[in-house]
Amino acid sequence: MLERFRNLFGSNNNMSFLDHLESLRWHIIRSVIVLCIVTGVMFFYNDFIFNTVLFGPTHPTFLTYRVLCHLSRVLNLGTDLCIDQAPVKLINTVMAGQLMMSIWGTFIAALIVTVPYLLWELWRFIKPALKEKELKSARGFVATSSLLFILGALFSYYIIVPWTVTFLSRFQMSGTTVQNLFDVRSYISMVTTLVLWSGVIFELPVVSYILTSIGIISPAFLKKYRRHVAVVILIVAALIAPPDVASQIIVSIPLFILFEVSIFVSQYAERKKRLKTS
């Protein structure tokens, strides 16, 4: 691990520490510029970003609800899986609340869209520190990381978010005495947080490969703490899914699969390390 940092910030490529910092600074500047440009472009299409994307799970015509209803008919369950919820009522209680949420929601949407570019800039910064054999094995870093992030974001958007919105909009602690009128800030914050964190969690196989390659973890370590991780996954599923068993199981299954894939990836990285040293 220390050798990687020496290669990255050392003088192996005739660059001083300050030169590397300067290079890092320009990678960050380019990333920020691209993010700002995409945010600005999306701001002019905020009607699509909000009404179709962010507020989509609040409408009964959302894709997930229609698929569940169709599946219910195919399985001869009648309308058991259909979600004919009343539209979620969102309110704004702050003078500049809608303006600030428009900017924030657009920024998060732009951040999700630009993740592949941000990962590419990160790869360009790390690439000089890698040897030729390492470059071959890590060549698909940007594509793999981007794909996993997008899969995680889509899983959250089409599975976790609709269930969460449905449960919270229907839940009442005292019959019809208290109505559910959600502040638009809390709604957008919930949706963006779930989508972003799910995308990050789906990067687990990539993190496993990197940590195994630099010797921090091993397949034996992951297998040893498999039961502990299972408990953590169940806790995470309980936090990000509605508090019903079916939803938590469906949310936890992909996380279990990701962990098992991470063990397989760690074994692959371990074998590659042994071949290099043999």
Protein backbone atom coordinates (compact mmCIF):
# COMPACT_ATOMS: atom_id res chain seq x y z
CA MET A 1 0.00 0.00 0.00
CA LEU A 2 2.79 2.42 0.90
CA GLU A 3 4.49 1.57 -2.37
CA ARG A 4 1.36 2.62 -4.27
CA PHE A 5 1.43 6.03 -2.58
CA ARG A 6 5.13 6.39 -3.33
CA ASN A 7 4.45 5.61 -6.98
CA LEU A 8 1.56 8.01 -7.05
CA PHE A 9 3.25 10.94 -5.30
CA GLY A 10 6.87 10.01 -5.66
CA SER A 11 9.46 10.85 -8.24
CA ASN A 12 9.26 7.70 -10.34
CA ASN A 13 7.97 9.70 -13.30
CA ASN A 14 10.15 12.80 -12.73
CA MET A 15 7.33 14.66 -11.02
CA SER A 16 7.65 16.22 -7.59
CA PHE A 17 5.04 16.05 -4.87
CA LEU A 18 3.87 19.57 -5.75
CA ASP A 19 3.61 18.56 -9.42
CA HIS A 20 1.32 15.71 -8.45
CA LEU A 21 -0.79 18.07 -6.36
CA GLU A 22 -1.00 20.42 -9.32
CA SER A 23 -2.11 17.53 -11.53
CA LEU A 24 -4.72 16.54 -8.95
CA ARG A 25 -5.94 20.13 -8.76
CA TRP A 26 -6.59 20.23 -12.52
CA HIS A 27 -8.41 16.91 -12.41
CA ILE A 28 -10.66 18.36 -9.72
CA ILE A 29 -11.13 21.64 -11.61
CA ARG A 30 -12.15 19.82 -14.81
CA SER A 31 -14.56 17.63 -12.84
CA VAL A 32 -16.16 20.66 -11.19
CA ILE A 33 -16.46 22.49 -14.52
CA VAL A 34 -18.15 19.52 -16.21
CA LEU A 35 -20.46 19.07 -13.22
CA CYS A 36 -21.43 22.76 -13.30
CA ILE A 37 -22.08 22.68 -17.06
CA VAL A 38 -24.29 19.59 -16.79
CA THR A 39 -26.10 21.14 -13.82
CA GLY A 40 -26.72 24.32 -15.79
CA VAL A 41 -28.05 22.43 -18.81
CA MET A 42 -30.33 20.28 -16.64
CA PHE A 43 -31.64 23.34 -14.81
CA PHE A 44 -33.29 24.47 -18.05
CA TYR A 45 -35.02 21.09 -18.26
CA ASN A 46 -36.12 21.05 -14.63
CA ASP A 47 -39.69 20.26 -15.63
CA PHE A 48 -38.54 16.82 -16.85
CA ILE A 49 -36.06 16.37 -13.97
CA PHE A 50 -38.72 17.01 -11.32
CA ASN A 51 -42.12 16.06 -12.75
CA THR A 52 -40.93 12.94 -14.59
CA VAL A 53 -37.90 11.79 -12.59
CA LEU A 54 -37.83 13.01 -8.98
CA PHE A 55 -41.60 13.23 -8.52
CA GLY A 56 -42.29 10.15 -10.65
CA PRO A 57 -42.63 7.76 -7.65
CA THR A 58 -45.41 9.96 -6.25
CA HIS A 59 -47.73 9.19 -9.19
CA PRO A 60 -49.80 5.98 -9.51
CA THR A 61 -48.69 5.76 -13.17
CA PHE A 62 -45.04 5.26 -12.19
CA LEU A 63 -43.37 2.35 -14.04
CA THR A 64 -42.84 0.23 -10.92
CA TYR A 65 -46.50 0.46 -9.92
CA ARG A 66 -47.67 -0.48 -13.42
CA VAL A 67 -45.28 -3.45 -13.58
CA LEU A 68 -46.46 -4.71 -10.18
CA CYS A 69 -50.09 -4.40 -11.23
CA HIS A 70 -49.42 -6.27 -14.47
CA LEU A 71 -47.52 -8.96 -12.55
CA SER A 72 -50.47 -9.27 -10.18
CA ARG A 73 -52.82 -10.00 -13.08
CA VAL A 74 -50.39 -12.48 -14.66
CA LEU A 75 -50.13 -14.39 -11.36
CA ASN A 76 -53.93 -14.35 -10.95
CA LEU A 77 -53.68 -12.31 -7.78
CA GLY A 78 -56.28 -9.80 -8.83
CA THR A 79 -55.21 -6.36 -7.65
CA ASP A 80 -53.23 -7.49 -4.60
CA LEU A 81 -49.96 -6.06 -5.97
CA CYS A 82 -51.52 -2.98 -7.55
CA ILE A 83 -50.71 0.32 -5.88
CA ASP A 84 -53.55 2.77 -6.42
CA GLN A 85 -52.32 5.26 -3.89
CA ALA A 86 -53.58 8.79 -3.63
CA PRO A 87 -51.05 11.24 -5.08
CA VAL A 88 -48.48 12.30 -2.50
CA LYS A 89 -49.08 15.89 -1.46
CA LEU A 90 -45.88 17.93 -1.33
CA ILE A 91 -45.79 21.37 0.25
CA ASN A 92 -43.24 24.14 0.56
CA THR A 93 -42.96 26.16 3.78
CA VAL A 94 -39.88 28.26 3.00
CA MET A 95 -39.88 31.44 0.91
CA ALA A 96 -37.04 30.36 -1.39
CA GLY A 97 -37.60 26.66 -0.77
CA GLN A 98 -38.68 25.71 -4.28
CA LEU A 99 -35.81 27.64 -5.86
CA MET A 100 -33.20 26.03 -3.58
CA MET A 101 -34.69 22.57 -4.11
CA SER A 102 -34.68 23.13 -7.86
CA ILE A 103 -30.98 23.88 -7.71
CA TRP A 104 -30.21 21.02 -5.32
CA GLY A 105 -32.29 18.43 -7.18
CA THR A 106 -30.74 19.44 -10.50
CA PHE A 107 -27.25 19.26 -8.99
CA ILE A 108 -27.81 15.73 -7.67
CA ALA A 109 -29.23 14.61 -11.03
CA ALA A 110 -26.19 16.09 -12.77
CA LEU A 111 -23.86 14.38 -10.27
CA ILE A 112 -25.41 10.98 -11.02
CA VAL A 113 -25.13 11.57 -14.77
CA THR A 114 -21.49 12.70 -14.57
CA VAL A 115 -20.29 9.83 -12.35
CA PRO A 116 -18.62 8.06 -15.34
CA TYR A 117 -16.68 11.22 -16.18
CA LEU A 118 -15.68 11.78 -12.54
CA LEU A 119 -14.43 8.19 -12.35
CA TRP A 120 -12.52 8.72 -15.59
CA GLU A 121 -10.75 11.76 -14.12
CA LEU A 122 -9.90 9.70 -11.03
CA TRP A 123 -8.54 6.95 -13.28
CA ARG A 124 -6.39 9.44 -15.21
CA PHE A 125 -4.84 10.59 -11.95
CA ILE A 126 -4.14 7.08 -10.63
CA LYS A 127 -3.05 5.57 -13.94
CA PRO A 128 0.59 6.84 -13.92
CA ALA A 129 1.22 4.99 -10.63
CA LEU A 130 0.30 1.61 -12.11
CA LYS A 131 2.66 -0.83 -13.74
CA GLU A 132 2.01 -2.29 -17.18
CA LYS A 133 0.51 -5.56 -15.84
CA GLU A 134 -1.66 -3.62 -13.39
CA LEU A 135 -2.91 -1.40 -16.20
CA LYS A 136 -4.12 -4.44 -18.13
CA SER A 137 -6.03 -5.83 -15.16
CA ALA A 138 -7.49 -2.43 -14.18
CA ARG A 139 -8.36 -1.26 -17.68
CA GLY A 140 -12.09 -1.75 -17.14
CA PHE A 141 -12.16 0.24 -13.89
CA VAL A 142 -14.17 3.18 -15.23
CA ALA A 143 -16.69 1.06 -17.15
CA THR A 144 -17.20 -1.43 -14.32
CA SER A 145 -17.49 1.22 -11.61
CA SER A 146 -19.88 3.31 -13.70
CA LEU A 147 -22.06 0.30 -14.51
CA LEU A 148 -22.27 -0.79 -10.87
CA PHE A 149 -23.13 2.74 -9.73
CA ILE A 150 -25.86 3.07 -12.34
CA LEU A 151 -27.29 -0.35 -11.43
CA GLY A 152 -27.37 0.65 -7.77
CA ALA A 153 -29.03 3.97 -8.55
CA LEU A 154 -31.64 2.31 -10.78
CA PHE A 155 -32.33 -0.38 -8.19
CA SER A 156 -32.97 2.27 -5.57
CA TYR A 157 -35.05 4.47 -7.87
CA TYR A 158 -37.33 1.72 -9.16
CA ILE A 159 -37.49 -0.54 -6.10
CA ILE A 160 -36.54 1.14 -2.82
CA VAL A 161 -37.90 4.63 -3.45
CA PRO A 162 -41.41 3.58 -4.63
CA TRP A 163 -41.86 1.26 -1.67
CA THR A 164 -40.63 3.90 0.74
CA VAL A 165 -42.91 6.56 -0.75
CA THR A 166 -45.90 4.19 -0.74
CA PHE A 167 -45.38 3.10 2.84
CA LEU A 168 -44.77 6.57 4.26
CA SER A 169 -47.66 8.13 2.35
CA ARG A 170 -50.07 5.48 3.65
CA PHE A 171 -48.80 5.23 7.21
CA GLN A 172 -50.91 7.01 9.82
CA MET A 173 -50.36 6.84 13.54
CA SER A 174 -53.90 7.87 14.46
CA GLY A 175 -56.45 6.95 11.80
CA THR A 176 -57.38 10.00 9.74
CA THR A 177 -56.64 12.54 12.47
CA VAL A 178 -53.22 13.46 11.03
CA GLN A 179 -52.81 13.99 7.29
CA ASN A 180 -49.57 13.31 5.44
CA LEU A 181 -48.40 16.55 3.86
CA PHE A 182 -44.71 16.12 3.05
CA ASP A 183 -42.30 19.02 2.81
CA VAL A 184 -40.72 19.03 -0.65
CA ARG A 185 -37.27 19.37 0.90
CA SER A 186 -37.62 16.20 2.94
CA TYR A 187 -38.97 14.29 -0.07
CA ILE A 188 -36.16 15.33 -2.43
CA SER A 189 -33.58 14.73 0.29
CA MET A 190 -34.92 11.21 0.87
CA VAL A 191 -34.99 10.30 -2.83
CA THR A 192 -31.53 11.67 -3.64
CA THR A 193 -29.98 10.13 -0.52
CA LEU A 194 -31.40 6.67 -1.26
CA VAL A 195 -30.32 6.77 -4.91
CA LEU A 196 -26.81 8.06 -4.24
CA TRP A 197 -26.06 5.70 -1.34
CA SER A 198 -27.38 2.71 -3.26
CA GLY A 199 -25.07 3.59 -6.13
CA VAL A 200 -22.14 3.81 -3.71
CA ILE A 201 -23.05 0.50 -2.02
CA PHE A 202 -23.09 -1.25 -5.39
CA GLU A 203 -19.40 -0.33 -5.77
CA LEU A 204 -18.57 -3.02 -3.19
CA PRO A 205 -17.02 -5.48 -5.71
CA VAL A 206 -14.69 -2.77 -7.05
CA VAL A 207 -13.65 -1.79 -3.53
CA SER A 208 -13.07 -5.46 -2.73
CA TYR A 209 -10.79 -5.85 -5.75
CA ILE A 210 -8.75 -2.76 -4.90
CA LEU A 211 -8.37 -3.58 -1.20
CA THR A 212 -7.36 -7.16 -1.99
CA SER A 213 -4.85 -6.00 -4.59
CA ILE A 214 -3.08 -3.74 -2.09
CA GLY A 215 -3.20 -6.36 0.66
CA ILE A 216 -5.68 -4.80 3.09
CA ILE A 217 -8.26 -7.60 2.91
CA SER A 218 -8.33 -11.18 1.65
CA PRO A 219 -11.00 -13.73 0.63
CA ALA A 220 -10.42 -15.53 3.94
CA PHE A 221 -11.10 -12.29 5.82
CA LEU A 222 -14.38 -11.72 3.96
CA LYS A 223 -15.51 -15.31 4.53
CA LYS A 224 -14.59 -15.13 8.22
CA TYR A 225 -16.84 -12.13 8.78
CA ARG A 226 -19.65 -13.24 6.46
CA ARG A 227 -22.09 -13.61 9.35
CA HIS A 228 -21.22 -10.17 10.68
CA VAL A 229 -21.75 -8.66 7.24
CA ALA A 230 -25.11 -10.44 6.99
CA VAL A 231 -26.23 -8.66 10.16
CA VAL A 232 -24.99 -5.33 8.79
CA ILE A 233 -26.86 -5.92 5.52
CA LEU A 234 -30.08 -6.64 7.39
CA ILE A 235 -29.62 -3.42 9.38
CA VAL A 236 -28.97 -1.42 6.21
CA ALA A 237 -32.04 -2.99 4.56
CA ALA A 238 -34.11 -2.08 7.60
CA LEU A 239 -32.91 1.52 7.38
CA ILE A 240 -33.45 2.11 3.66
CA ALA A 241 -36.58 -0.02 3.13
CA PRO A 242 -40.10 0.30 4.57
CA PRO A 243 -40.51 -1.57 7.87
CA ASP A 244 -42.20 -4.65 6.45
CA VAL A 245 -40.51 -8.01 6.08
CA ALA A 246 -41.17 -8.48 2.35
CA SER A 247 -39.61 -5.13 1.40
CA GLN A 248 -36.56 -5.68 3.61
CA ILE A 249 -35.96 -9.14 2.15
CA ILE A 250 -36.15 -7.87 -1.43
CA VAL A 251 -33.77 -5.02 -0.60
CA SER A 252 -31.31 -7.26 1.26
CA ILE A 253 -31.08 -9.96 -1.45
CA PRO A 254 -29.08 -7.79 -3.93
CA LEU A 255 -26.81 -6.73 -1.05
CA PHE A 256 -26.11 -10.36 -0.17
CA ILE A 257 -25.40 -11.08 -3.83
CA LEU A 258 -23.04 -8.10 -3.99
CA PHE A 259 -21.12 -9.37 -0.98
CA GLU A 260 -20.79 -12.86 -2.46
CA VAL A 261 -19.62 -11.32 -5.74
CA SER A 262 -17.10 -9.29 -3.73
CA ILE A 263 -15.71 -12.52 -2.25
CA PHE A 264 -15.37 -13.97 -5.75
CA VAL A 265 -13.67 -10.80 -6.97
CA SER A 266 -11.34 -10.88 -3.96
CA GLN A 267 -10.40 -14.47 -4.79
CA TYR A 268 -9.68 -13.43 -8.37
CA ALA A 269 -7.46 -10.58 -7.20
CA GLU A 270 -5.68 -12.91 -4.77
CA ARG A 271 -4.93 -15.41 -7.54
CA LYS A 272 -3.51 -12.65 -9.72
CA LYS A 273 -1.23 -11.54 -6.91
CA ARG A 274 0.06 -15.08 -6.44
CA LEU A 275 0.77 -15.45 -10.16
CA LYS A 276 2.79 -12.24 -10.12
CA THR A 277 4.90 -13.33 -7.17
CA SER A 278 5.43 -16.91 -8.40
